[in-house]
C-alpha atoms as a PDB file:
ATOM      1  CA  MET A   1      16.979  -2.639  12.903  1.00  0.00           C
ATOM      2  CA  ALA A   2      16.550  -5.892  12.000  1.00  0.00           C
ATOM      3  CA  TYR A   3      12.734  -7.346  11.525  1.00  0.00           C
ATOM      4  CA  ASP A   4      11.541 -10.794  13.374  1.00  0.00           C
ATOM      5  CA  GLU A   5      12.202 -13.517  10.682  1.00  0.00           C
ATOM      6  CA  GLY A   6      10.118 -15.866  12.654  1.00  0.00           C
ATOM      7  CA  LEU A   7       7.067 -13.832  12.084  1.00  0.00           C
ATOM      8  CA  SER A   8       8.154 -13.265   8.335  1.00  0.00           C
ATOM      9  CA  PHE A   9       8.392 -16.845   7.828  1.00  0.00           C
ATOM     10  CA  ARG A  10       4.876 -17.270   9.377  1.00  0.00           C
ATOM     11  CA  VAL A  11       3.644 -14.711   7.089  1.00  0.00           C
ATOM     12  CA  GLU A  12       4.913 -16.259   4.253  1.00  0.00           C
ATOM     13  CA  GLU A  13       3.463 -19.631   4.871  1.00  0.00           C
ATOM     14  CA  ILE A  14      -0.090 -17.938   5.291  1.00  0.00           C
ATOM     15  CA  LEU A  15       0.549 -16.286   1.829  1.00  0.00           C
ATOM     16  CA  ALA A  16       1.899 -19.593  -0.053  1.00  0.00           C
ATOM     17  CA  ASP A  17      -1.333 -20.271  -1.253  1.00  0.00           C
ATOM     18  CA  THR A  18      -2.213 -17.042  -2.657  1.00  0.00           C
ATOM     19  CA  SER A  19      -0.846 -16.230  -6.060  1.00  0.00           C
ATOM     20  CA  ALA A  20       0.607 -12.739  -6.862  1.00  0.00           C
ATOM     21  CA  PHE A  21       2.379 -11.934  -3.974  1.00  0.00           C
ATOM     22  CA  ILE A  22       5.941 -10.506  -3.730  1.00  0.00           C
ATOM     23  CA  ALA A  23       7.875  -9.947  -0.866  1.00  0.00           C
ATOM     24  CA  LYS A  24      10.191  -6.965  -0.848  1.00  0.00           C
ATOM     25  CA  LYS A  25      12.527  -5.264   1.670  1.00  0.00           C
ATOM     26  CA  MET A  26      11.381  -1.984   3.110  1.00  0.00           C
ATOM     27  CA  PHE A  27      11.538   0.394   5.782  1.00  0.00           C
ATOM     28  CA  GLY A  28      14.079  -1.788   7.681  1.00  0.00           C
ATOM     29  CA  GLY A  29      11.619  -4.667   7.783  1.00  0.00           C
ATOM     30  CA  ILE A  30       9.860  -6.636   4.736  1.00  0.00           C
ATOM     31  CA  GLY A  31       6.650  -5.846   3.206  1.00  0.00           C
ATOM     32  CA  TYR A  32       4.522  -7.973   0.970  1.00  0.00           C
ATOM     33  CA  LEU A  33       2.859  -6.891  -2.003  1.00  0.00           C
ATOM     34  CA  PHE A  34      -0.241  -8.120  -3.658  1.00  0.00           C
ATOM     35  CA  ARG A  35      -0.586  -7.113  -7.267  1.00  0.00           C
ATOM     36  CA  GLY A  36       2.071  -4.442  -6.317  1.00  0.00           C
ATOM     37  CA  ASN A  37       0.211  -2.822  -3.460  1.00  0.00           C
ATOM     38  CA  MET A  38       1.813  -3.363   0.012  1.00  0.00           C
ATOM     39  CA  THR A  39      -0.570  -5.354   1.746  1.00  0.00           C
ATOM     40  CA  CYS A  40       1.425  -6.471   5.091  1.00  0.00           C
ATOM     41  CA  GLY A  41       4.757  -6.549   6.391  1.00  0.00           C
ATOM     42  CA  VAL A  42       7.075  -7.229   9.450  1.00  0.00           C
ATOM     43  CA  ILE A  43       8.814  -3.905  11.013  1.00  0.00           C
ATOM     44  CA  GLN A  44      10.867  -5.004  13.942  1.00  0.00           C
ATOM     45  CA  ASN A  45       8.826  -7.661  16.106  1.00  0.00           C
ATOM     46  CA  ALA A  46       5.498  -6.419  14.767  1.00  0.00           C
ATOM     47  CA  LEU A  47       3.177  -7.437  12.014  1.00  0.00           C
ATOM     48  CA  ILE A  48       1.896  -4.448   9.765  1.00  0.00           C
ATOM     49  CA  VAL A  49      -1.245  -4.338   7.760  1.00  0.00           C
ATOM     50  CA  ARG A  50      -3.090  -2.262   5.701  1.00  0.00           C
ATOM     51  CA  LEU A  51      -7.057  -2.203   6.089  1.00  0.00           C
ATOM     52  CA  SER A  52      -9.734  -0.028   5.161  1.00  0.00           C
ATOM     53  CA  GLN A  53     -10.587   2.857   6.801  1.00  0.00           C
ATOM     54  CA  GLN A  54     -13.573   1.149   8.771  1.00  0.00           C
ATOM     55  CA  ASP A  55     -11.642  -1.824   9.515  1.00  0.00           C
ATOM     56  CA  TYR A  56      -8.941   0.150  10.734  1.00  0.00           C
ATOM     57  CA  GLN A  57     -10.846   2.196  13.246  1.00  0.00           C
ATOM     58  CA  THR A  58     -12.268  -0.915  14.567  1.00  0.00           C
ATOM     59  CA  ALA A  59      -9.045  -2.495  14.976  1.00  0.00           C
ATOM     60  CA  LEU A  60      -7.574   0.538  16.973  1.00  0.00           C
ATOM     61  CA  GLN A  61      -9.876  -0.767  19.518  1.00  0.00           C
ATOM     62  CA  LYS A  62      -8.563  -4.273  19.598  1.00  0.00           C
ATOM     63  CA  PRO A  63      -5.767  -5.047  22.156  1.00  0.00           C
ATOM     64  CA  ASN A  64      -1.915  -5.106  20.955  1.00  0.00           C
ATOM     65  CA  THR A  65      -2.997  -3.009  18.171  1.00  0.00           C
ATOM     66  CA  ARG A  66      -1.501   0.893  17.685  1.00  0.00           C
ATOM     67  CA  LYS A  67      -1.129   3.192  14.746  1.00  0.00           C
ATOM     68  CA  PHE A  68       1.603   2.961  12.160  1.00  0.00           C
ATOM     69  CA  GLU A  69       3.897   6.335  12.214  1.00  0.00           C
ATOM     70  CA  MET A  70       6.378   7.041   9.934  1.00  0.00           C
ATOM     71  CA  THR A  71       8.564  10.638  10.493  1.00  0.00           C
ATOM     72  CA  GLY A  72       6.075  11.281  12.842  1.00  0.00           C
ATOM     73  CA  LYS A  73       3.188  11.310  10.737  1.00  0.00           C
ATOM     74  CA  GLU A  74       0.263   8.971  11.323  1.00  0.00           C
ATOM     75  CA  MET A  75      -0.207   6.765   8.511  1.00  0.00           C
ATOM     76  CA  ARG A  76      -4.255   6.067   8.180  1.00  0.00           C
ATOM     77  CA  GLY A  77      -5.035   2.531   7.483  1.00  0.00           C
ATOM     78  CA  TRP A  78      -1.806   1.143   8.842  1.00  0.00           C
ATOM     79  CA  LEU A  79      -1.635  -0.847  11.737  1.00  0.00           C
ATOM     80  CA  LEU A  80       0.795  -2.497  13.667  1.00  0.00           C
ATOM     81  CA  VAL A  81       0.008  -5.531  15.420  1.00  0.00           C
ATOM     82  CA  ASP A  82       2.321  -6.215  18.596  1.00  0.00           C
ATOM     83  CA  PRO A  83       3.757  -9.816  18.843  1.00  0.00           C
ATOM     84  CA  ASP A  84       0.865 -10.616  21.467  1.00  0.00           C
ATOM     85  CA  GLY A  85      -1.432 -10.290  18.752  1.00  0.00           C
ATOM     86  CA  THR A  86       0.064 -12.407  16.372  1.00  0.00           C
ATOM     87  CA  SER A  87       1.139 -15.175  18.513  1.00  0.00           C
ATOM     88  CA  ASP A  88      -1.842 -17.385  17.842  1.00  0.00           C
ATOM     89  CA  ASP A  89      -1.809 -18.759  14.193  1.00  0.00           C
ATOM     90  CA  ASN A  90      -5.269 -18.302  13.850  1.00  0.00           C
ATOM     91  CA  ASP A  91      -5.145 -14.299  14.917  1.00  0.00           C
ATOM     92  CA  LEU A  92      -2.059 -14.069  12.521  1.00  0.00           C
ATOM     93  CA  LYS A  93      -4.006 -15.694   9.709  1.00  0.00           C
ATOM     94  CA  ASN A  94      -7.124 -13.357  10.373  1.00  0.00           C
ATOM     95  CA  TRP A  95      -5.002 -10.129  10.340  1.00  0.00           C
ATOM     96  CA  ILE A  96      -3.282 -11.021   7.087  1.00  0.00           C
ATOM     97  CA  ASN A  97      -7.018 -12.039   5.719  1.00  0.00           C
ATOM     98  CA  SER A  98      -8.050  -8.785   6.411  1.00  0.00           C
ATOM     99  CA  ALA A  99      -5.657  -6.806   4.738  1.00  0.00           C
ATOM    100  CA  LEU A 100      -5.991  -9.151   1.819  1.00  0.00           C
ATOM    101  CA  GLN A 101      -9.347  -8.242   1.422  1.00  0.00           C
ATOM    102  CA  PHE A 102      -8.804  -4.699   1.352  1.00  0.00           C
ATOM    103  CA  SER A 103      -5.629  -4.850  -1.230  1.00  0.00           C
ATOM    104  CA  ALA A 104      -7.930  -7.039  -3.405  1.00  0.00           C
ATOM    105  CA  THR A 105     -10.014  -3.846  -3.569  1.00  0.00           C
ATOM    106  CA  LEU A 106      -7.357  -1.643  -4.861  1.00  0.00           C
ATOM    107  CA  PRO A 107      -6.186  -1.185  -8.618  1.00  0.00           C
ATOM    108  CA  PRO A 108      -2.856  -3.297  -9.686  1.00  0.00           C
ATOM    109  CA  LYS A 109       0.146  -1.114 -10.124  1.00  0.00           C
END
């Protein structure tokens, strides 16, 4: 299934000032890797973000969020944010910045 190219464009605008990002098509969507680690992306019409376990648990309590599952298995630390949760540019930027903060703690690949 195609991914939301408008959302992808907005993500890329936010990441434009951050070096070391690579866009890569994956999971039928597009992922953004920071120093080789996937940080965020777009799958169908949702934003996917990678968060610390603490931030992940907190974020699951927010509206418009849900667990990311692949082949029926929960991918802990990965969160989907539905379109209503990213329609505001500041909300989108906050999600991406949270994912970037966590990715910055990971060793480069």
